Amino acid sequence: MDLKIYYQKIRDAAGAIPEEFPVVVSSETQDGGKAGVCTEVPQAIAARMLVDGRARIASGAEAKAFRDAQAAAKRAADEQAAAARVQVQLIPVPPPKKG
């Protein structure tokens, strides 16, 4: 394979991707790659995955569903972290007076 052509294909694919961080959907590969896994990656990595045939750009609905799921997971993690840092404050009580 001519490396100049390979890297030109990657540059062309990167130029065709409108987003800086697109969502890609993996394809099944011979080395054990699992099909249908969504991932948000930088544009350069997405272009390389497209040229290598390891992934495709997600449709609008797939990307929206992936980002909604990521946002829900982030909210749940934030809520769990907030619940874990419950603050307890001790208030000193004066001793009872005798007499």
PDB file of N, CA and C in Angstrom:
ATOM      1  N   MET A   1       0.846  -1.179   0.000  1.00  0.00           N
ATOM      2  CA  MET A   1       0.000   0.000   0.000  1.00  0.00           C
ATOM      3  C   MET A   1       0.892   1.243   0.000  1.00  0.00           C
ATOM      4  N   ASP A   2       0.540   2.174  -0.843  1.00  0.00           N
ATOM      5  CA  ASP A   2       1.277   3.431  -0.922  1.00  0.00           C
ATOM      6  C   ASP A   2       0.849   4.329   0.240  1.00  0.00           C
ATOM      7  N   LEU A   3       1.786   4.710   1.094  1.00  0.00           N
ATOM      8  CA  LEU A   3       1.461   5.494   2.278  1.00  0.00           C
ATOM      9  C   LEU A   3       0.948   6.883   1.935  1.00  0.00           C
ATOM     10  N   LYS A   4       1.432   7.466   0.841  1.00  0.00           N
ATOM     11  CA  LYS A   4       0.948   8.793   0.445  1.00  0.00           C
ATOM     12  C   LYS A   4      -0.549   8.740   0.146  1.00  0.00           C
ATOM     13  N   ILE A   5      -0.960   7.712  -0.552  1.00  0.00           N
ATOM     14  CA  ILE A   5      -2.384   7.567  -0.892  1.00  0.00           C
ATOM     15  C   ILE A   5      -3.200   7.303   0.369  1.00  0.00           C
ATOM     16  N   TYR A   6      -2.670   6.447   1.261  1.00  0.00           N
ATOM     17  CA  TYR A   6      -3.364   6.112   2.502  1.00  0.00           C
ATOM     18  C   TYR A   6      -3.615   7.366   3.341  1.00  0.00           C
ATOM     19  N   TYR A   7      -2.560   8.151   3.553  1.00  0.00           N
ATOM     20  CA  TYR A   7      -2.721   9.346   4.378  1.00  0.00           C
ATOM     21  C   TYR A   7      -3.531  10.432   3.674  1.00  0.00           C
ATOM     22  N   GLN A   8      -3.517  10.460   2.363  1.00  0.00           N
ATOM     23  CA  GLN A   8      -4.376  11.396   1.635  1.00  0.00           C
ATOM     24  C   GLN A   8      -5.848  11.016   1.825  1.00  0.00           C
ATOM     25  N   LYS A   9      -6.134   9.714   1.830  1.00  0.00           N
ATOM     26  CA  LYS A   9      -7.503   9.256   2.088  1.00  0.00           C
ATOM     27  C   LYS A   9      -7.939   9.669   3.490  1.00  0.00           C
ATOM     28  N   ILE A  10      -7.043   9.561   4.467  1.00  0.00           N
ATOM     29  CA  ILE A  10      -7.372   9.963   5.837  1.00  0.00           C
ATOM     30  C   ILE A  10      -7.649  11.462   5.898  1.00  0.00           C
ATOM     31  N   ARG A  11      -6.808  12.269   5.231  1.00  0.00           N
ATOM     32  CA  ARG A  11      -7.047  13.720   5.219  1.00  0.00           C
ATOM     33  C   ARG A  11      -8.367  14.060   4.537  1.00  0.00           C
ATOM     34  N   ASP A  12      -8.685  13.381   3.442  1.00  0.00           N
ATOM     35  CA  ASP A  12      -9.949  13.624   2.743  1.00  0.00           C
ATOM     36  C   ASP A  12     -11.137  13.250   3.627  1.00  0.00           C
ATOM     37  N   ALA A  13     -11.019  12.112   4.313  1.00  0.00           N
ATOM     38  CA  ALA A  13     -12.105  11.673   5.196  1.00  0.00           C
ATOM     39  C   ALA A  13     -12.275  12.651   6.352  1.00  0.00           C
ATOM     40  N   ALA A  14     -11.174  13.156   6.908  1.00  0.00           N
ATOM     41  CA  ALA A  14     -11.250  14.120   8.004  1.00  0.00           C
ATOM     42  C   ALA A  14     -11.911  15.410   7.538  1.00  0.00           C
ATOM     43  N   GLY A  15     -11.620  15.822   6.317  1.00  0.00           N
ATOM     44  CA  GLY A  15     -12.237  17.030   5.775  1.00  0.00           C
ATOM     45  C   GLY A  15     -13.728  16.877   5.547  1.00  0.00           C
ATOM     46  N   ALA A  16     -14.185  15.657   5.344  1.00  0.00           N
ATOM     47  CA  ALA A  16     -15.603  15.412   5.095  1.00  0.00           C
ATOM     48  C   ALA A  16     -16.420  15.278   6.378  1.00  0.00           C
ATOM     49  N   ILE A  17     -15.745  15.188   7.518  1.00  0.00           N
ATOM     50  CA  ILE A  17     -16.446  15.048   8.798  1.00  0.00           C
ATOM     51  C   ILE A  17     -16.699  16.446   9.359  1.00  0.00           C
ATOM     52  N   PRO A  18     -17.958  16.834   9.525  1.00  0.00           N
ATOM     53  CA  PRO A  18     -18.250  18.209   9.953  1.00  0.00           C
ATOM     54  C   PRO A  18     -17.989  18.489  11.432  1.00  0.00           C
ATOM     55  N   GLU A  19     -18.065  17.478  12.285  1.00  0.00           N
ATOM     56  CA  GLU A  19     -17.920  17.697  13.729  1.00  0.00           C
ATOM     57  C   GLU A  19     -16.473  17.516  14.161  1.00  0.00           C
ATOM     58  N   GLU A  20     -16.107  18.202  15.250  1.00  0.00           N
ATOM     59  CA  GLU A  20     -14.769  18.046  15.804  1.00  0.00           C
ATOM     60  C   GLU A  20     -14.647  16.716  16.546  1.00  0.00           C
ATOM     61  N   PHE A  21     -15.733  16.290  17.206  1.00  0.00           N
ATOM     62  CA  PHE A  21     -15.762  15.016  17.931  1.00  0.00           C
ATOM     63  C   PHE A  21     -16.987  14.218  17.484  1.00  0.00           C
ATOM     64  N   PRO A  22     -16.901  13.535  16.344  1.00  0.00           N
ATOM     65  CA  PRO A  22     -18.052  12.769  15.860  1.00  0.00           C
ATOM     66  C   PRO A  22     -18.246  11.467  16.636  1.00  0.00           C
ATOM     67  N   VAL A  23     -19.452  10.959  16.566  1.00  0.00           N
ATOM     68  CA  VAL A  23     -19.757   9.645  17.142  1.00  0.00           C
ATOM     69  C   VAL A  23     -19.609   8.631  16.014  1.00  0.00           C
ATOM     70  N   VAL A  24     -18.836   7.578  16.278  1.00  0.00           N
ATOM     71  CA  VAL A  24     -18.655   6.521  15.283  1.00  0.00           C
ATOM     72  C   VAL A  24     -19.248   5.225  15.818  1.00  0.00           C
ATOM     73  N   VAL A  25     -19.672   4.378  14.904  1.00  0.00           N
ATOM     74  CA  VAL A  25     -20.226   3.062  15.243  1.00  0.00           C
ATOM     75  C   VAL A  25     -19.260   2.019  14.693  1.00  0.00           C
ATOM     76  N   SER A  26     -18.788   1.153  15.560  1.00  0.00           N
ATOM     77  CA  SER A  26     -17.784   0.174  15.148  1.00  0.00           C
ATOM     78  C   SER A  26     -18.366  -0.877  14.218  1.00  0.00           C
ATOM     79  N   SER A  27     -17.469  -1.445  13.432  1.00  0.00           N
ATOM     80  CA  SER A  27     -17.808  -2.554  12.546  1.00  0.00           C
ATOM     81  C   SER A  27     -17.126  -3.811  13.070  1.00  0.00           C
ATOM     82  N   GLU A  28     -17.658  -4.954  12.728  1.00  0.00           N
ATOM     83  CA  GLU A  28     -17.022  -6.198  13.136  1.00  0.00           C
ATOM     84  C   GLU A  28     -15.725  -6.367  12.353  1.00  0.00           C
ATOM     85  N   THR A  29     -14.659  -6.735  13.044  1.00  0.00           N
ATOM     86  CA  THR A  29     -13.362  -6.921  12.394  1.00  0.00           C
ATOM     87  C   THR A  29     -12.849  -8.328  12.638  1.00  0.00           C
ATOM     88  N   GLN A  30     -11.866  -8.717  11.844  1.00  0.00           N
ATOM     89  CA  GLN A  30     -11.300 -10.058  11.947  1.00  0.00           C
ATOM     90  C   GLN A  30     -10.540 -10.266  13.250  1.00  0.00           C
ATOM     91  N   ASP A  31     -10.040  -9.185  13.837  1.00  0.00           N
ATOM     92  CA  ASP A  31      -9.260  -9.333  15.069  1.00  0.00           C
ATOM     93  C   ASP A  31     -10.119  -9.229  16.325  1.00  0.00           C
ATOM     94  N   GLY A  32     -11.420  -9.422  16.186  1.00  0.00           N
ATOM     95  CA  GLY A  32     -12.292  -9.473  17.355  1.00  0.00           C
ATOM     96  C   GLY A  32     -13.073  -8.206  17.634  1.00  0.00           C
ATOM     97  N   GLY A  33     -13.020  -7.237  16.736  1.00  0.00           N
ATOM     98  CA  GLY A  33     -13.777  -6.004  16.929  1.00  0.00           C
ATOM     99  C   GLY A  33     -15.273  -6.280  16.947  1.00  0.00           C
ATOM    100  N   LYS A  34     -15.961  -5.660  17.895  1.00  0.00           N
ATOM    101  CA  LYS A  34     -17.384  -5.887  18.080  1.00  0.00           C
ATOM    102  C   LYS A  34     -18.177  -4.840  17.291  1.00  0.00           C
ATOM    103  N   ALA A  35     -19.170  -5.273  16.563  1.00  0.00           N
ATOM    104  CA  ALA A  35     -19.975  -4.367  15.750  1.00  0.00           C
ATOM    105  C   ALA A  35     -21.032  -3.655  16.597  1.00  0.00           C
ATOM    106  N   GLY A  36     -21.311  -2.403  16.240  1.00  0.00           N
ATOM    107  CA  GLY A  36     -22.412  -1.674  16.846  1.00  0.00           C
ATOM    108  C   GLY A  36     -22.084  -0.891  18.105  1.00  0.00           C
ATOM    109  N   VAL A  37     -20.822  -0.768  18.469  1.00  0.00           N
ATOM    110  CA  VAL A  37     -20.435  -0.021  19.666  1.00  0.00           C
ATOM    111  C   VAL A  37     -20.212   1.439  19.282  1.00  0.00           C
ATOM    112  N   CYS A  38     -20.930   2.335  19.935  1.00  0.00           N
ATOM    113  CA  CYS A  38     -20.801   3.769  19.656  1.00  0.00           C
ATOM    114  C   CYS A  38     -19.721   4.371  20.545  1.00  0.00           C
ATOM    115  N   THR A  39     -18.948   5.282  19.945  1.00  0.00           N
ATOM    116  CA  THR A  39     -17.877   5.965  20.668  1.00  0.00           C
ATOM    117  C   THR A  39     -17.719   7.359  20.086  1.00  0.00           C
ATOM    118  N   GLU A  40     -17.434   8.325  20.954  1.00  0.00           N
ATOM    119  CA  GLU A  40     -17.156   9.683  20.499  1.00  0.00           C
ATOM    120  C   GLU A  40     -15.638   9.834  20.445  1.00  0.00           C
ATOM    121  N   VAL A  41     -15.116  10.184  19.277  1.00  0.00           N
ATOM    122  CA  VAL A  41     -13.668  10.260  19.077  1.00  0.00           C
ATOM    123  C   VAL A  41     -13.307  11.567  18.384  1.00  0.00           C
ATOM    124  N   PRO A  42     -12.019  11.961  18.468  1.00  0.00           N
ATOM    125  CA  PRO A  42     -11.582  13.131  17.711  1.00  0.00           C
ATOM    126  C   PRO A  42     -11.700  12.877  16.199  1.00  0.00           C
ATOM    127  N   GLN A  43     -11.776  13.947  15.456  1.00  0.00           N
ATOM    128  CA  GLN A  43     -11.987  13.871  14.013  1.00  0.00           C
ATOM    129  C   GLN A  43     -10.895  13.055  13.314  1.00  0.00           C
ATOM    130  N   ALA A  44      -9.646  13.220  13.715  1.00  0.00           N
ATOM    131  CA  ALA A  44      -8.545  12.501  13.060  1.00  0.00           C
ATOM    132  C   ALA A  44      -8.657  10.988  13.277  1.00  0.00           C
ATOM    133  N   ILE A  45      -9.032  10.582  14.453  1.00  0.00           N
ATOM    134  CA  ILE A  45      -9.185   9.152  14.736  1.00  0.00           C
ATOM    135  C   ILE A  45     -10.393   8.591  13.984  1.00  0.00           C
ATOM    136  N   ALA A  46     -11.469   9.363  13.930  1.00  0.00           N
ATOM    137  CA  ALA A  46     -12.646   8.925  13.173  1.00  0.00           C
ATOM    138  C   ALA A  46     -12.296   8.724  11.705  1.00  0.00           C
ATOM    139  N   ALA A  47     -11.517   9.639  11.144  1.00  0.00           N
ATOM    140  CA  ALA A  47     -11.121   9.516   9.738  1.00  0.00           C
ATOM    141  C   ALA A  47     -10.301   8.254   9.516  1.00  0.00           C
ATOM    142  N   ARG A  48      -9.362   7.984  10.425  1.00  0.00           N
ATOM    143  CA  ARG A  48      -8.537   6.782  10.280  1.00  0.00           C
ATOM    144  C   ARG A  48      -9.394   5.520  10.397  1.00  0.00           C
ATOM    145  N   MET A  49     -10.360   5.520  11.329  1.00  0.00           N
ATOM    146  CA  MET A  49     -11.231   4.354  11.483  1.00  0.00           C
ATOM    147  C   MET A  49     -12.086   4.139  10.240  1.00  0.00           C
ATOM    148  N   LEU A  50     -12.534   5.230   9.627  1.00  0.00           N
ATOM    149  CA  LEU A  50     -13.328   5.123   8.398  1.00  0.00           C
ATOM    150  C   LEU A  50     -12.496   4.520   7.268  1.00  0.00           C
ATOM    151  N   VAL A  51     -11.290   5.042   7.075  1.00  0.00           N
ATOM    152  CA  VAL A  51     -10.428   4.565   5.996  1.00  0.00           C
ATOM    153  C   VAL A  51     -10.043   3.105   6.213  1.00  0.00           C
ATOM    154  N   ASP A  52      -9.804   2.720   7.457  1.00  0.00           N
ATOM    155  CA  ASP A  52      -9.430   1.334   7.765  1.00  0.00           C
ATOM    156  C   ASP A  52     -10.623   0.381   7.710  1.00  0.00           C
ATOM    157  N   GLY A  53     -11.839   0.913   7.627  1.00  0.00           N
ATOM    158  CA  GLY A  53     -13.030   0.067   7.583  1.00  0.00           C
ATOM    159  C   GLY A  53     -13.424  -0.468   8.945  1.00  0.00           C
ATOM    160  N   ARG A  54     -12.970   0.165  10.010  1.00  0.00           N
ATOM    161  CA  ARG A  54     -13.269  -0.301  11.364  1.00  0.00           C
ATOM    162  C   ARG A  54     -14.524   0.345  11.938  1.00  0.00           C
ATOM    163  N   ALA A  55     -14.996   1.425  11.312  1.00  0.00           N
ATOM    164  CA  ALA A  55     -16.167   2.118  11.845  1.00  0.00           C
ATOM    165  C   ALA A  55     -16.827   2.938  10.751  1.00  0.00           C
ATOM    166  N   ARG A  56     -18.001   3.444  11.100  1.00  0.00           N
ATOM    167  CA  ARG A  56     -18.729   4.367  10.230  1.00  0.00           C
ATOM    168  C   ARG A  56     -19.236   5.504  11.107  1.00  0.00           C
ATOM    169  N   ILE A  57     -19.530   6.630  10.490  1.00  0.00           N
ATOM    170  CA  ILE A  57     -20.076   7.758  11.230  1.00  0.00           C
ATOM    171  C   ILE A  57     -21.513   7.422  11.622  1.00  0.00           C
ATOM    172  N   ALA A  58     -21.874   7.696  12.858  1.00  0.00           N
ATOM    173  CA  ALA A  58     -23.222   7.393  13.356  1.00  0.00           C
ATOM    174  C   ALA A  58     -24.237   8.321  12.695  1.00  0.00           C
ATOM    175  N   SER A  59     -25.439   7.807  12.514  1.00  0.00           N
ATOM    176  CA  SER A  59     -26.524   8.648  11.996  1.00  0.00           C
ATOM    177  C   SER A  59     -26.907   9.667  13.071  1.00  0.00           C
ATOM    178  N   GLY A  60     -27.681  10.647  12.688  1.00  0.00           N
ATOM    179  CA  GLY A  60     -28.099  11.668  13.638  1.00  0.00           C
ATOM    180  C   GLY A  60     -28.824  11.084  14.839  1.00  0.00           C
ATOM    181  N   ALA A  61     -29.710  10.121  14.600  1.00  0.00           N
ATOM    182  CA  ALA A  61     -30.466   9.498  15.688  1.00  0.00           C
ATOM    183  C   ALA A  61     -29.551   8.675  16.594  1.00  0.00           C
ATOM    184  N   GLU A  62     -28.604   7.949  16.004  1.00  0.00           N
ATOM    185  CA  GLU A  62     -27.659   7.153  16.798  1.00  0.00           C
ATOM    186  C   GLU A  62     -26.784   8.058  17.667  1.00  0.00           C
ATOM    187  N   ALA A  63     -26.305   9.150  17.088  1.00  0.00           N
ATOM    188  CA  ALA A  63     -25.451  10.075  17.831  1.00  0.00           C
ATOM    189  C   ALA A  63     -26.226  10.731  18.968  1.00  0.00           C
ATOM    190  N   LYS A  64     -27.476  11.114  18.710  1.00  0.00           N
ATOM    191  CA  LYS A  64     -28.300  11.739  19.747  1.00  0.00           C
ATOM    192  C   LYS A  64     -28.566  10.755  20.885  1.00  0.00           C
ATOM    193  N   ALA A  65     -28.897   9.517  20.553  1.00  0.00           N
ATOM    194  CA  ALA A  65     -29.145   8.502  21.582  1.00  0.00           C
ATOM    195  C   ALA A  65     -27.882   8.256  22.410  1.00  0.00           C
ATOM    196  N   PHE A  66     -26.722   8.203  21.756  1.00  0.00           N
ATOM    197  CA  PHE A  66     -25.460   7.986  22.468  1.00  0.00           C
ATOM    198  C   PHE A  66     -25.165   9.147  23.411  1.00  0.00           C
ATOM    199  N   ARG A  67     -25.315  10.360  22.922  1.00  0.00           N
ATOM    200  CA  ARG A  67     -25.014  11.528  23.762  1.00  0.00           C
ATOM    201  C   ARG A  67     -26.016  11.680  24.893  1.00  0.00           C
ATOM    202  N   ASP A  68     -27.288  11.337  24.647  1.00  0.00           N
ATOM    203  CA  ASP A  68     -28.292  11.371  25.719  1.00  0.00           C
ATOM    204  C   ASP A  68     -27.944  10.354  26.810  1.00  0.00           C
ATOM    205  N   ALA A  69     -27.514   9.165  26.393  1.00  0.00           N
ATOM    206  CA  ALA A  69     -27.130   8.132  27.362  1.00  0.00           C
ATOM    207  C   ALA A  69     -25.898   8.575  28.153  1.00  0.00           C
ATOM    208  N   GLN A  70     -24.945   9.213  27.499  1.00  0.00           N
ATOM    209  CA  GLN A  70     -23.759   9.706  28.188  1.00  0.00           C
ATOM    210  C   GLN A  70     -24.120  10.804  29.190  1.00  0.00           C
ATOM    211  N   ALA A  71     -25.035  11.694  28.807  1.00  0.00           N
ATOM    212  CA  ALA A  71     -25.466  12.766  29.714  1.00  0.00           C
ATOM    213  C   ALA A  71     -26.186  12.189  30.931  1.00  0.00           C
ATOM    214  N   ALA A  72     -27.030  11.179  30.716  1.00  0.00           N
ATOM    215  CA  ALA A  72     -27.743  10.545  31.827  1.00  0.00           C
ATOM    216  C   ALA A  72     -26.754   9.853  32.775  1.00  0.00           C
ATOM    217  N   ALA A  73     -25.751   9.193  32.220  1.00  0.00           N
ATOM    218  CA  ALA A  73     -24.744   8.531  33.053  1.00  0.00           C
ATOM    219  C   ALA A  73     -23.942   9.561  33.844  1.00  0.00           C
ATOM    220  N   LYS A  74     -23.650  10.698  33.245  1.00  0.00           N
ATOM    221  CA  LYS A  74     -22.915  11.765  33.939  1.00  0.00           C
ATOM    222  C   LYS A  74     -23.746  12.326  35.082  1.00  0.00           C
ATOM    223  N   ARG A  75     -25.042  12.557  34.836  1.00  0.00           N
ATOM    224  CA  ARG A  75     -25.926  13.062  35.902  1.00  0.00           C
ATOM    225  C   ARG A  75     -25.985  12.071  37.058  1.00  0.00           C
ATOM    226  N   ALA A  76     -26.123  10.791  36.747  1.00  0.00           N
ATOM    227  CA  ALA A  76     -26.192   9.768  37.792  1.00  0.00           C
ATOM    228  C   ALA A  76     -24.892   9.721  38.592  1.00  0.00           C
ATOM    229  N   ALA A  77     -23.760   9.819  37.926  1.00  0.00           N
ATOM    230  CA  ALA A  77     -22.474   9.807  38.623  1.00  0.00           C
ATOM    231  C   ALA A  77     -22.323  11.045  39.502  1.00  0.00           C
ATOM    232  N   ASP A  78     -22.767  12.202  39.000  1.00  0.00           N
ATOM    233  CA  ASP A  78     -22.699  13.429  39.797  1.00  0.00           C
ATOM    234  C   ASP A  78     -23.586  13.335  41.034  1.00  0.00           C
ATOM    235  N   GLU A  79     -24.782  12.775  40.876  1.00  0.00           N
ATOM    236  CA  GLU A  79     -25.695  12.618  42.007  1.00  0.00           C
ATOM    237  C   GLU A  79     -25.107  11.657  43.041  1.00  0.00           C
ATOM    238  N   GLN A  80     -24.503  10.587  42.572  1.00  0.00           N
ATOM    239  CA  GLN A  80     -23.896   9.620  43.483  1.00  0.00           C
ATOM    240  C   GLN A  80     -22.715  10.257  44.219  1.00  0.00           C
ATOM    241  N   ALA A  81     -21.920  11.042  43.528  1.00  0.00           N
ATOM    242  CA  ALA A  81     -20.785  11.716  44.174  1.00  0.00           C
ATOM    243  C   ALA A  81     -21.273  12.739  45.193  1.00  0.00           C
ATOM    244  N   ALA A  82     -22.355  13.451  44.873  1.00  0.00           N
ATOM    245  CA  ALA A  82     -22.901  14.432  45.811  1.00  0.00           C
ATOM    246  C   ALA A  82     -23.453  13.742  47.053  1.00  0.00           C
ATOM    247  N   ALA A  83     -24.088  12.592  46.873  1.00  0.00           N
ATOM    248  CA  ALA A  83     -24.629  11.855  48.011  1.00  0.00           C
ATOM    249  C   ALA A  83     -23.506  11.305  48.894  1.00  0.00           C
ATOM    250  N   ALA A  84     -22.370  11.015  48.306  1.00  0.00           N
ATOM    251  CA  ALA A  84     -21.259  10.454  49.058  1.00  0.00           C
ATOM    252  C   ALA A  84     -20.548  11.507  49.905  1.00  0.00           C
ATOM    253  N   ARG A  85     -20.703  12.752  49.557  1.00  0.00           N
ATOM    254  CA  ARG A  85     -20.016  13.781  50.345  1.00  0.00           C
ATOM    255  C   ARG A  85     -20.993  14.575  51.211  1.00  0.00           C
ATOM    256  N   VAL A  86     -21.819  13.835  51.912  1.00  0.00           N
ATOM    257  CA  VAL A  86     -22.737  14.448  52.873  1.00  0.00           C
ATOM    258  C   VAL A  86     -21.902  15.064  53.984  1.00  0.00           C
ATOM    259  N   GLN A  87     -22.193  16.313  54.286  1.00  0.00           N
ATOM    260  CA  GLN A  87     -21.405  17.006  55.292  1.00  0.00           C
ATOM    261  C   GLN A  87     -22.110  16.933  56.641  1.00  0.00           C
ATOM    262  N   VAL A  88     -21.318  16.667  57.645  1.00  0.00           N
ATOM    263  CA  VAL A  88     -21.827  16.605  59.009  1.00  0.00           C
ATOM    264  C   VAL A  88     -21.114  17.685  59.806  1.00  0.00           C
ATOM    265  N   GLN A  89     -21.878  18.462  60.548  1.00  0.00           N
ATOM    266  CA  GLN A  89     -21.294  19.523  61.336  1.00  0.00           C
ATOM    267  C   GLN A  89     -21.671  19.302  62.792  1.00  0.00           C
ATOM    268  N   LEU A  90     -20.671  19.292  63.657  1.00  0.00           N
ATOM    269  CA  LEU A  90     -20.897  19.114  65.076  1.00  0.00           C
ATOM    270  C   LEU A  90     -21.045  20.487  65.725  1.00  0.00           C
ATOM    271  N   ILE A  91     -22.091  20.636  66.493  1.00  0.00           N
ATOM    272  CA  ILE A  91     -22.343  21.890  67.186  1.00  0.00           C
ATOM    273  C   ILE A  91     -22.080  21.652  68.667  1.00  0.00           C
ATOM    274  N   PRO A  92     -21.147  22.393  69.225  1.00  0.00           N
ATOM    275  CA  PRO A  92     -20.856  22.174  70.641  1.00  0.00           C
ATOM    276  C   PRO A  92     -22.030  22.637  71.522  1.00  0.00           C
ATOM    277  N   VAL A  93     -22.325  21.828  72.501  1.00  0.00           N
ATOM    278  CA  VAL A  93     -23.409  22.135  73.423  1.00  0.00           C
ATOM    279  C   VAL A  93     -22.766  22.417  74.785  1.00  0.00           C
ATOM    280  N   PRO A  94     -23.113  23.544  75.416  1.00  0.00           N
ATOM    281  CA  PRO A  94     -22.495  23.827  76.710  1.00  0.00           C
ATOM    282  C   PRO A  94     -22.959  22.805  77.753  1.00  0.00           C
ATOM    283  N   PRO A  95     -22.093  22.482  78.693  1.00  0.00           N
ATOM    284  CA  PRO A  95     -22.488  21.498  79.708  1.00  0.00           C
ATOM    285  C   PRO A  95     -23.619  22.057  80.568  1.00  0.00           C
ATOM    286  N   PRO A  96     -24.462  21.193  81.079  1.00  0.00           N
ATOM    287  CA  PRO A  96     -25.587  21.675  81.901  1.00  0.00           C
ATOM    288  C   PRO A  96     -25.091  22.328  83.180  1.00  0.00           C
ATOM    289  N   LYS A  97     -25.799  23.337  83.618  1.00  0.00           N
ATOM    290  CA  LYS A  97     -25.414  24.069  84.831  1.00  0.00           C
ATOM    291  C   LYS A  97     -25.885  23.287  86.053  1.00  0.00           C
ATOM    292  N   LYS A  98     -25.074  23.264  87.091  1.00  0.00           N
ATOM    293  CA  LYS A  98     -25.416  22.568  88.317  1.00  0.00           C
ATOM    294  C   LYS A  98     -26.032  23.574  89.291  1.00  0.00           C
ATOM    295  N   GLY A  99     -27.019  23.174  89.951  1.00  0.00           N
ATOM    296  CA  GLY A  99     -27.505  23.984  91.039  1.00  0.00           C
ATOM    297  C   GLY A  99     -28.776  24.609  90.888  1.00  0.00           C
TER     298      GLY A  99
END
